[in-house]
């Protein structure tokens, strides 16, 4: 479904990714793990086409080399909105909601490219079933929600675009352990409904038991890849990422 080939990204001359290659098959739940600065967010943004502008604090647009294919079509030169049309939906790090719109309006923005109004209403109700608290808060502005509620809304907004491939960047960031578990249980439920998931997380232990395969990034390079059992055979990975 997705193939990233030798992706290399530079910011102001500094390398963020160095010849990273990954594959995601249709129907898979894939994890990407690694410490801060490993290039995880850059990878997702390259896939979704949102690495096109000058970053805050940077002087130049990032330079991108390599190739990205979605269902056999090359997409790395395409605009972000066109990538969304193809079914790749990015739920970004730190939620990136529209703070002064209501919960319901944020969900509706997720369906911006859609015209099927009745189906949109059904999908909003389905999001409310996944996250009942959002129905209670549907008239509140997004900025008044708790961190956990904002993350629920960010995922719900992404679902309104009817993703074929859902990119999720660190959904557990800043959440209490109980809420983290609830969040990941819901993501598994979304995956089991038929949505292919590519999930980025900082801690390997968090998604080791969830993802079917994992890619480990370190210093912008692919350090390891494989299933849970394959990665646990690697002593260095166990010590560095799991403390085992």
C-alpha atoms as a PDB file:
ATOM      1  CA  UNK A   1       0.000   0.000   0.000  1.00  0.00           C
ATOM      2  CA  UNK A   2       2.764   2.432   1.003  1.00  0.00           C
ATOM      3  CA  UNK A   3       6.411   2.277   0.018  1.00  0.00           C
ATOM      4  CA  UNK A   4       9.038   4.815   1.101  1.00  0.00           C
ATOM      5  CA  UNK A   5      12.352   4.428  -0.750  1.00  0.00           C
ATOM      6  CA  UNK A   6      15.624   5.975   0.450  1.00  0.00           C
ATOM      7  CA  UNK A   7      13.927   9.044   1.930  1.00  0.00           C
ATOM      8  CA  UNK A   8      16.462  11.741   2.832  1.00  0.00           C
ATOM      9  CA  UNK A   9      15.443  15.090   4.348  1.00  0.00           C
ATOM     10  CA  UNK A  10      17.649  18.091   5.220  1.00  0.00           C
ATOM     11  CA  UNK A  11      16.636  21.145   7.278  1.00  0.00           C
ATOM     12  CA  UNK A  12      18.969  24.138   6.760  1.00  0.00           C
ATOM     13  CA  UNK A  13      21.718  21.707   5.806  1.00  0.00           C
ATOM     14  CA  UNK A  14      21.181  19.423   8.811  1.00  0.00           C
ATOM     15  CA  UNK A  15      20.075  15.881   8.008  1.00  0.00           C
ATOM     16  CA  UNK A  16      16.771  14.784   9.590  1.00  0.00           C
ATOM     17  CA  UNK A  17      16.364  11.511   7.675  1.00  0.00           C
ATOM     18  CA  UNK A  18      19.075   9.512   5.924  1.00  0.00           C
ATOM     19  CA  UNK A  19      17.968   7.003   3.256  1.00  0.00           C
ATOM     20  CA  UNK A  20      15.014   5.637   5.235  1.00  0.00           C
ATOM     21  CA  UNK A  21      12.908   2.954   3.551  1.00  0.00           C
ATOM     22  CA  UNK A  22       9.707   1.424   4.915  1.00  0.00           C
ATOM     23  CA  UNK A  23       6.757  -0.550   3.583  1.00  0.00           C
ATOM     24  CA  UNK A  24       3.164  -0.755   4.818  1.00  0.00           C
ATOM     25  CA  UNK A  25       0.840  -3.412   3.454  1.00  0.00           C
ATOM     26  CA  UNK A  26      -2.900  -2.847   3.217  1.00  0.00           C
ATOM     27  CA  UNK A  27      -4.603  -3.780   6.475  1.00  0.00           C
ATOM     28  CA  UNK A  28      -1.431  -3.663   8.592  1.00  0.00           C
ATOM     29  CA  UNK A  29      -0.799  -1.911  11.900  1.00  0.00           C
ATOM     30  CA  UNK A  30       2.779  -0.615  11.684  1.00  0.00           C
ATOM     31  CA  UNK A  31       4.713   1.173  14.424  1.00  0.00           C
ATOM     32  CA  UNK A  32       7.604   3.620  14.069  1.00  0.00           C
ATOM     33  CA  UNK A  33       9.556   4.177  17.279  1.00  0.00           C
ATOM     34  CA  UNK A  34      12.625   6.084  18.359  1.00  0.00           C
ATOM     35  CA  UNK A  35      13.821   8.869  20.676  1.00  0.00           C
ATOM     36  CA  UNK A  36      13.190  12.592  20.224  1.00  0.00           C
ATOM     37  CA  UNK A  37      14.961  13.897  17.146  1.00  0.00           C
ATOM     38  CA  UNK A  38      15.054  10.491  15.457  1.00  0.00           C
ATOM     39  CA  UNK A  39      13.071  11.756  12.461  1.00  0.00           C
ATOM     40  CA  UNK A  40       9.706  10.125  13.188  1.00  0.00           C
ATOM     41  CA  UNK A  41       7.566  13.222  12.678  1.00  0.00           C
ATOM     42  CA  UNK A  42       9.574  14.203   9.601  1.00  0.00           C
ATOM     43  CA  UNK A  43       8.818  10.784   8.101  1.00  0.00           C
ATOM     44  CA  UNK A  44       5.065  11.171   8.560  1.00  0.00           C
ATOM     45  CA  UNK A  45       5.088  14.733   7.241  1.00  0.00           C
ATOM     46  CA  UNK A  46       7.012  13.658   4.154  1.00  0.00           C
ATOM     47  CA  UNK A  47       4.397  10.974   3.476  1.00  0.00           C
ATOM     48  CA  UNK A  48       1.475  13.393   3.911  1.00  0.00           C
ATOM     49  CA  UNK A  49       3.079  16.118   1.801  1.00  0.00           C
ATOM     50  CA  UNK A  50       3.317  18.693   4.588  1.00  0.00           C
ATOM     51  CA  UNK A  51       7.093  19.212   4.442  1.00  0.00           C
ATOM     52  CA  UNK A  52       6.772  21.936   1.856  1.00  0.00           C
ATOM     53  CA  UNK A  53       7.020  25.163   3.856  1.00  0.00           C
ATOM     54  CA  UNK A  54       9.725  26.870   5.916  1.00  0.00           C
ATOM     55  CA  UNK A  55       9.514  25.497   9.471  1.00  0.00           C
ATOM     56  CA  UNK A  56       9.298  27.874  12.472  1.00  0.00           C
ATOM     57  CA  UNK A  57      12.841  28.761  13.484  1.00  0.00           C
ATOM     58  CA  UNK A  58      14.261  27.531  10.155  1.00  0.00           C
ATOM     59  CA  UNK A  59      15.612  29.628   7.296  1.00  0.00           C
ATOM     60  CA  UNK A  60      14.823  27.437   4.307  1.00  0.00           C
ATOM     61  CA  UNK A  61      12.332  24.865   3.089  1.00  0.00           C
ATOM     62  CA  UNK A  62      13.501  21.303   3.739  1.00  0.00           C
ATOM     63  CA  UNK A  63      15.110  19.488   0.833  1.00  0.00           C
ATOM     64  CA  UNK A  64      13.690  16.050   0.127  1.00  0.00           C
ATOM     65  CA  UNK A  65      15.217  13.185  -1.820  1.00  0.00           C
ATOM     66  CA  UNK A  66      13.921   9.670  -2.386  1.00  0.00           C
ATOM     67  CA  UNK A  67      10.574   8.328  -3.532  1.00  0.00           C
ATOM     68  CA  UNK A  68       7.196   7.645  -1.890  1.00  0.00           C
ATOM     69  CA  UNK A  69       4.545   5.435  -3.500  1.00  0.00           C
ATOM     70  CA  UNK A  70       0.924   4.893  -2.487  1.00  0.00           C
ATOM     71  CA  UNK A  71      -0.854   2.001  -4.166  1.00  0.00           C
ATOM     72  CA  UNK A  72       1.813   2.025  -6.876  1.00  0.00           C
ATOM     73  CA  UNK A  73       1.521   5.770  -7.626  1.00  0.00           C
ATOM     74  CA  UNK A  74       4.380   8.117  -6.823  1.00  0.00           C
ATOM     75  CA  UNK A  75       3.159  10.852  -4.458  1.00  0.00           C
ATOM     76  CA  UNK A  76       6.257  12.595  -3.090  1.00  0.00           C
ATOM     77  CA  UNK A  77       5.902  15.460  -5.583  1.00  0.00           C
ATOM     78  CA  UNK A  78       2.179  15.934  -4.983  1.00  0.00           C
ATOM     79  CA  UNK A  79       0.394  18.584  -2.895  1.00  0.00           C
ATOM     80  CA  UNK A  80      -0.883  17.689   0.563  1.00  0.00           C
ATOM     81  CA  UNK A  81      -4.537  18.230  -0.358  1.00  0.00           C
ATOM     82  CA  UNK A  82      -4.201  15.808  -3.253  1.00  0.00           C
ATOM     83  CA  UNK A  83      -2.624  13.211  -0.981  1.00  0.00           C
ATOM     84  CA  UNK A  84      -5.608  13.604   1.364  1.00  0.00           C
ATOM     85  CA  UNK A  85      -7.918  12.925  -1.584  1.00  0.00           C
ATOM     86  CA  UNK A  86      -6.137   9.612  -2.139  1.00  0.00           C
ATOM     87  CA  UNK A  87      -6.953   8.531   1.417  1.00  0.00           C
ATOM     88  CA  UNK A  88      -3.752   9.267   3.370  1.00  0.00           C
ATOM     89  CA  UNK A  89      -4.835  11.167   6.478  1.00  0.00           C
ATOM     90  CA  UNK A  90      -2.363  12.609   8.989  1.00  0.00           C
ATOM     91  CA  UNK A  91      -3.298  13.035  12.648  1.00  0.00           C
ATOM     92  CA  UNK A  92      -0.403  15.298  13.667  1.00  0.00           C
ATOM     93  CA  UNK A  93       1.693  15.592  16.802  1.00  0.00           C
ATOM     94  CA  UNK A  94       0.155  17.909  19.436  1.00  0.00           C
ATOM     95  CA  UNK A  95      -3.312  17.624  17.844  1.00  0.00           C
ATOM     96  CA  UNK A  96      -3.261  20.840  15.746  1.00  0.00           C
ATOM     97  CA  UNK A  97      -6.981  21.481  16.212  1.00  0.00           C
ATOM     98  CA  UNK A  98      -8.884  24.617  15.235  1.00  0.00           C
ATOM     99  CA  UNK A  99      -9.013  26.044  18.788  1.00  0.00           C
ATOM    100  CA  UNK A 100     -11.862  28.525  18.317  1.00  0.00           C
ATOM    101  CA  UNK A 101     -14.139  26.107  16.477  1.00  0.00           C
ATOM    102  CA  UNK A 102     -16.448  23.776  18.371  1.00  0.00           C
ATOM    103  CA  UNK A 103     -15.909  20.043  18.672  1.00  0.00           C
ATOM    104  CA  UNK A 104     -18.535  19.393  16.008  1.00  0.00           C
ATOM    105  CA  UNK A 105     -17.086  22.040  13.688  1.00  0.00           C
ATOM    106  CA  UNK A 106     -13.626  20.469  14.018  1.00  0.00           C
ATOM    107  CA  UNK A 107     -15.095  17.107  13.041  1.00  0.00           C
ATOM    108  CA  UNK A 108     -16.843  18.688  10.071  1.00  0.00           C
ATOM    109  CA  UNK A 109     -13.516  20.189   8.943  1.00  0.00           C
ATOM    110  CA  UNK A 110     -12.204  16.653   8.683  1.00  0.00           C
ATOM    111  CA  UNK A 111     -14.847  16.046   6.020  1.00  0.00           C
ATOM    112  CA  UNK A 112     -13.996  19.257   4.133  1.00  0.00           C
ATOM    113  CA  UNK A 113     -13.403  17.488   0.797  1.00  0.00           C
ATOM    114  CA  UNK A 114     -16.537  15.362   1.061  1.00  0.00           C
ATOM    115  CA  UNK A 115     -19.994  16.188  -0.330  1.00  0.00           C
ATOM    116  CA  UNK A 116     -22.041  13.267   1.075  1.00  0.00           C
ATOM    117  CA  UNK A 117     -23.802  15.169   3.884  1.00  0.00           C
ATOM    118  CA  UNK A 118     -25.856  12.263   5.206  1.00  0.00           C
ATOM    119  CA  UNK A 119     -22.819   9.991   5.357  1.00  0.00           C
ATOM    120  CA  UNK A 120     -20.871  12.736   7.130  1.00  0.00           C
ATOM    121  CA  UNK A 121     -23.585  12.890   9.799  1.00  0.00           C
ATOM    122  CA  UNK A 122     -23.346   9.112  10.244  1.00  0.00           C
ATOM    123  CA  UNK A 123     -19.565   9.283  10.538  1.00  0.00           C
ATOM    124  CA  UNK A 124     -19.810  12.008  13.185  1.00  0.00           C
ATOM    125  CA  UNK A 125     -22.158   9.779  15.165  1.00  0.00           C
ATOM    126  CA  UNK A 126     -19.691   6.911  14.798  1.00  0.00           C
ATOM    127  CA  UNK A 127     -16.944   9.130  16.235  1.00  0.00           C
ATOM    128  CA  UNK A 128     -19.246   9.950  19.154  1.00  0.00           C
ATOM    129  CA  UNK A 129     -19.657   6.202  19.738  1.00  0.00           C
ATOM    130  CA  UNK A 130     -15.859   5.792  19.812  1.00  0.00           C
ATOM    131  CA  UNK A 131     -15.422   8.833  22.067  1.00  0.00           C
ATOM    132  CA  UNK A 132     -18.703   9.466  23.969  1.00  0.00           C
ATOM    133  CA  UNK A 133     -17.233  12.480  25.793  1.00  0.00           C
ATOM    134  CA  UNK A 134     -17.011  14.333  22.451  1.00  0.00           C
ATOM    135  CA  UNK A 135     -20.778  14.142  22.065  1.00  0.00           C
ATOM    136  CA  UNK A 136     -21.164  15.732  25.497  1.00  0.00           C
ATOM    137  CA  UNK A 137     -18.687  18.451  24.461  1.00  0.00           C
ATOM    138  CA  UNK A 138     -19.840  18.915  20.849  1.00  0.00           C
ATOM    139  CA  UNK A 139     -20.781  22.588  21.332  1.00  0.00           C
ATOM    140  CA  UNK A 140     -17.626  23.505  23.266  1.00  0.00           C
ATOM    141  CA  UNK A 141     -14.679  25.203  21.616  1.00  0.00           C
ATOM    142  CA  UNK A 142     -11.763  22.834  21.093  1.00  0.00           C
ATOM    143  CA  UNK A 143      -9.419  24.990  23.174  1.00  0.00           C
ATOM    144  CA  UNK A 144     -11.547  24.327  26.284  1.00  0.00           C
ATOM    145  CA  UNK A 145     -11.031  20.537  26.128  1.00  0.00           C
ATOM    146  CA  UNK A 146      -8.548  18.594  28.224  1.00  0.00           C
ATOM    147  CA  UNK A 147      -5.448  17.169  26.548  1.00  0.00           C
ATOM    148  CA  UNK A 148      -7.005  13.713  26.308  1.00  0.00           C
ATOM    149  CA  UNK A 149     -10.229  15.073  24.853  1.00  0.00           C
ATOM    150  CA  UNK A 150      -8.264  17.097  22.312  1.00  0.00           C
ATOM    151  CA  UNK A 151      -6.429  13.951  21.203  1.00  0.00           C
ATOM    152  CA  UNK A 152      -9.752  12.146  20.814  1.00  0.00           C
ATOM    153  CA  UNK A 153     -11.006  15.027  18.710  1.00  0.00           C
ATOM    154  CA  UNK A 154      -7.874  15.009  16.537  1.00  0.00           C
ATOM    155  CA  UNK A 155      -8.328  11.319  15.789  1.00  0.00           C
ATOM    156  CA  UNK A 156     -12.048  11.803  15.232  1.00  0.00           C
ATOM    157  CA  UNK A 157     -11.394  14.633  12.789  1.00  0.00           C
ATOM    158  CA  UNK A 158      -8.993  12.385  10.872  1.00  0.00           C
ATOM    159  CA  UNK A 159     -11.635   9.647  10.678  1.00  0.00           C
ATOM    160  CA  UNK A 160     -14.095  12.074   9.077  1.00  0.00           C
ATOM    161  CA  UNK A 161     -11.827  12.108   6.021  1.00  0.00           C
ATOM    162  CA  UNK A 162     -12.422   8.340   5.706  1.00  0.00           C
ATOM    163  CA  UNK A 163      -8.743   7.326   5.684  1.00  0.00           C
ATOM    164  CA  UNK A 164      -7.398   4.348   3.821  1.00  0.00           C
ATOM    165  CA  UNK A 165      -4.060   4.906   5.534  1.00  0.00           C
ATOM    166  CA  UNK A 166      -4.117   6.707   8.892  1.00  0.00           C
ATOM    167  CA  UNK A 167      -0.869   8.344  10.052  1.00  0.00           C
ATOM    168  CA  UNK A 168      -0.909   9.018  13.811  1.00  0.00           C
ATOM    169  CA  UNK A 169       1.910  10.962  15.487  1.00  0.00           C
ATOM    170  CA  UNK A 170       2.464  10.325  19.228  1.00  0.00           C
ATOM    171  CA  UNK A 171      -1.188  10.152  20.361  1.00  0.00           C
ATOM    172  CA  UNK A 172      -0.185   9.387  23.954  1.00  0.00           C
ATOM    173  CA  UNK A 173       1.893  12.557  24.385  1.00  0.00           C
ATOM    174  CA  UNK A 174       1.113  14.152  27.746  1.00  0.00           C
ATOM    175  CA  UNK A 175      -1.637  11.679  28.684  1.00  0.00           C
ATOM    176  CA  UNK A 176      -2.050   9.842  31.989  1.00  0.00           C
ATOM    177  CA  UNK A 177      -1.421   6.061  31.865  1.00  0.00           C
ATOM    178  CA  UNK A 178      -5.116   5.132  32.107  1.00  0.00           C
ATOM    179  CA  UNK A 179      -6.025   7.489  29.283  1.00  0.00           C
ATOM    180  CA  UNK A 180      -3.082   6.236  27.198  1.00  0.00           C
ATOM    181  CA  UNK A 181      -4.448   2.691  27.394  1.00  0.00           C
ATOM    182  CA  UNK A 182      -7.915   3.884  26.403  1.00  0.00           C
ATOM    183  CA  UNK A 183      -6.434   5.792  23.458  1.00  0.00           C
ATOM    184  CA  UNK A 184      -4.491   2.804  22.154  1.00  0.00           C
ATOM    185  CA  UNK A 185      -7.450   0.466  22.644  1.00  0.00           C
ATOM    186  CA  UNK A 186      -9.490   2.797  20.438  1.00  0.00           C
ATOM    187  CA  UNK A 187      -6.751   2.959  17.787  1.00  0.00           C
ATOM    188  CA  UNK A 188      -6.722  -0.850  17.679  1.00  0.00           C
ATOM    189  CA  UNK A 189     -10.494  -0.760  17.261  1.00  0.00           C
ATOM    190  CA  UNK A 190     -10.108   1.662  14.333  1.00  0.00           C
ATOM    191  CA  UNK A 191      -7.511  -0.642  12.764  1.00  0.00           C
ATOM    192  CA  UNK A 192      -9.755  -3.679  13.175  1.00  0.00           C
ATOM    193  CA  UNK A 193     -12.537  -1.782  11.395  1.00  0.00           C
ATOM    194  CA  UNK A 194     -10.415  -1.908   8.231  1.00  0.00           C
ATOM    195  CA  UNK A 195      -8.187   1.188   8.396  1.00  0.00           C
ATOM    196  CA  UNK A 196      -4.455   0.650   7.764  1.00  0.00           C
ATOM    197  CA  UNK A 197      -2.484   2.372  10.559  1.00  0.00           C
ATOM    198  CA  UNK A 198       1.040   3.808  10.655  1.00  0.00           C
ATOM    199  CA  UNK A 199       1.645   4.927  14.241  1.00  0.00           C
ATOM    200  CA  UNK A 200       4.610   6.919  15.570  1.00  0.00           C
ATOM    201  CA  UNK A 201       5.540   6.629  19.248  1.00  0.00           C
ATOM    202  CA  UNK A 202       8.593   7.519  21.298  1.00  0.00           C
ATOM    203  CA  UNK A 203       8.502   4.486  23.600  1.00  0.00           C
ATOM    204  CA  UNK A 204       8.792   1.063  21.996  1.00  0.00           C
ATOM    205  CA  UNK A 205       7.173  -0.668  24.977  1.00  0.00           C
ATOM    206  CA  UNK A 206       3.958   1.278  24.377  1.00  0.00           C
ATOM    207  CA  UNK A 207       3.204  -0.264  20.995  1.00  0.00           C
ATOM    208  CA  UNK A 208       5.331  -3.408  21.008  1.00  0.00           C
ATOM    209  CA  UNK A 209       2.267  -5.525  21.773  1.00  0.00           C
ATOM    210  CA  UNK A 210      -0.007  -3.622  19.377  1.00  0.00           C
ATOM    211  CA  UNK A 211       1.808  -3.244  16.060  1.00  0.00           C
ATOM    212  CA  UNK A 212       2.297  -6.188  13.731  1.00  0.00           C
ATOM    213  CA  UNK A 213       5.699  -4.865  12.650  1.00  0.00           C
ATOM    214  CA  UNK A 214       7.910  -2.029  13.863  1.00  0.00           C
ATOM    215  CA  UNK A 215      10.574   0.250  12.429  1.00  0.00           C
ATOM    216  CA  UNK A 216      13.124   1.727  14.833  1.00  0.00           C
ATOM    217  CA  UNK A 217      14.635   5.116  13.928  1.00  0.00           C
ATOM    218  CA  UNK A 218      17.762   6.556  15.526  1.00  0.00           C
ATOM    219  CA  UNK A 219      19.584   9.735  14.443  1.00  0.00           C
ATOM    220  CA  UNK A 220      17.552   9.843  11.231  1.00  0.00           C
ATOM    221  CA  UNK A 221      18.494   6.322  10.182  1.00  0.00           C
ATOM    222  CA  UNK A 222      16.652   3.025  10.237  1.00  0.00           C
ATOM    223  CA  UNK A 223      18.238   1.142  13.154  1.00  0.00           C
ATOM    224  CA  UNK A 224      16.091  -1.988  13.052  1.00  0.00           C
ATOM    225  CA  UNK A 225      12.832  -3.432  11.764  1.00  0.00           C
ATOM    226  CA  UNK A 226      10.750  -6.520  12.351  1.00  0.00           C
ATOM    227  CA  UNK A 227       8.064  -8.163  14.443  1.00  0.00           C
ATOM    228  CA  UNK A 228       7.963  -8.047  18.227  1.00  0.00           C
ATOM    229  CA  UNK A 229       9.700 -11.413  18.501  1.00  0.00           C
ATOM    230  CA  UNK A 230      12.395 -10.428  16.006  1.00  0.00           C
ATOM    231  CA  UNK A 231      13.164  -7.153  17.779  1.00  0.00           C
ATOM    232  CA  UNK A 232      13.269  -8.759  21.220  1.00  0.00           C
ATOM    233  CA  UNK A 233      16.105 -10.979  19.992  1.00  0.00           C
ATOM    234  CA  UNK A 234      18.217  -7.822  19.557  1.00  0.00           C
ATOM    235  CA  UNK A 235      20.011  -7.293  22.867  1.00  0.00           C
ATOM    236  CA  UNK A 236      20.913  -3.654  22.190  1.00  0.00           C
ATOM    237  CA  UNK A 237      17.316  -2.748  21.385  1.00  0.00           C
ATOM    238  CA  UNK A 238      16.086  -4.480  24.508  1.00  0.00           C
ATOM    239  CA  UNK A 239      18.532  -2.550  26.668  1.00  0.00           C
ATOM    240  CA  UNK A 240      18.155   0.867  25.002  1.00  0.00           C
ATOM    241  CA  UNK A 241      14.404   0.969  24.369  1.00  0.00           C
ATOM    242  CA  UNK A 242      12.911  -1.477  26.865  1.00  0.00           C
ATOM    243  CA  UNK A 243      15.382  -1.503  29.745  1.00  0.00           C
ATOM    244  CA  UNK A 244      15.526  -5.302  29.628  1.00  0.00           C
END
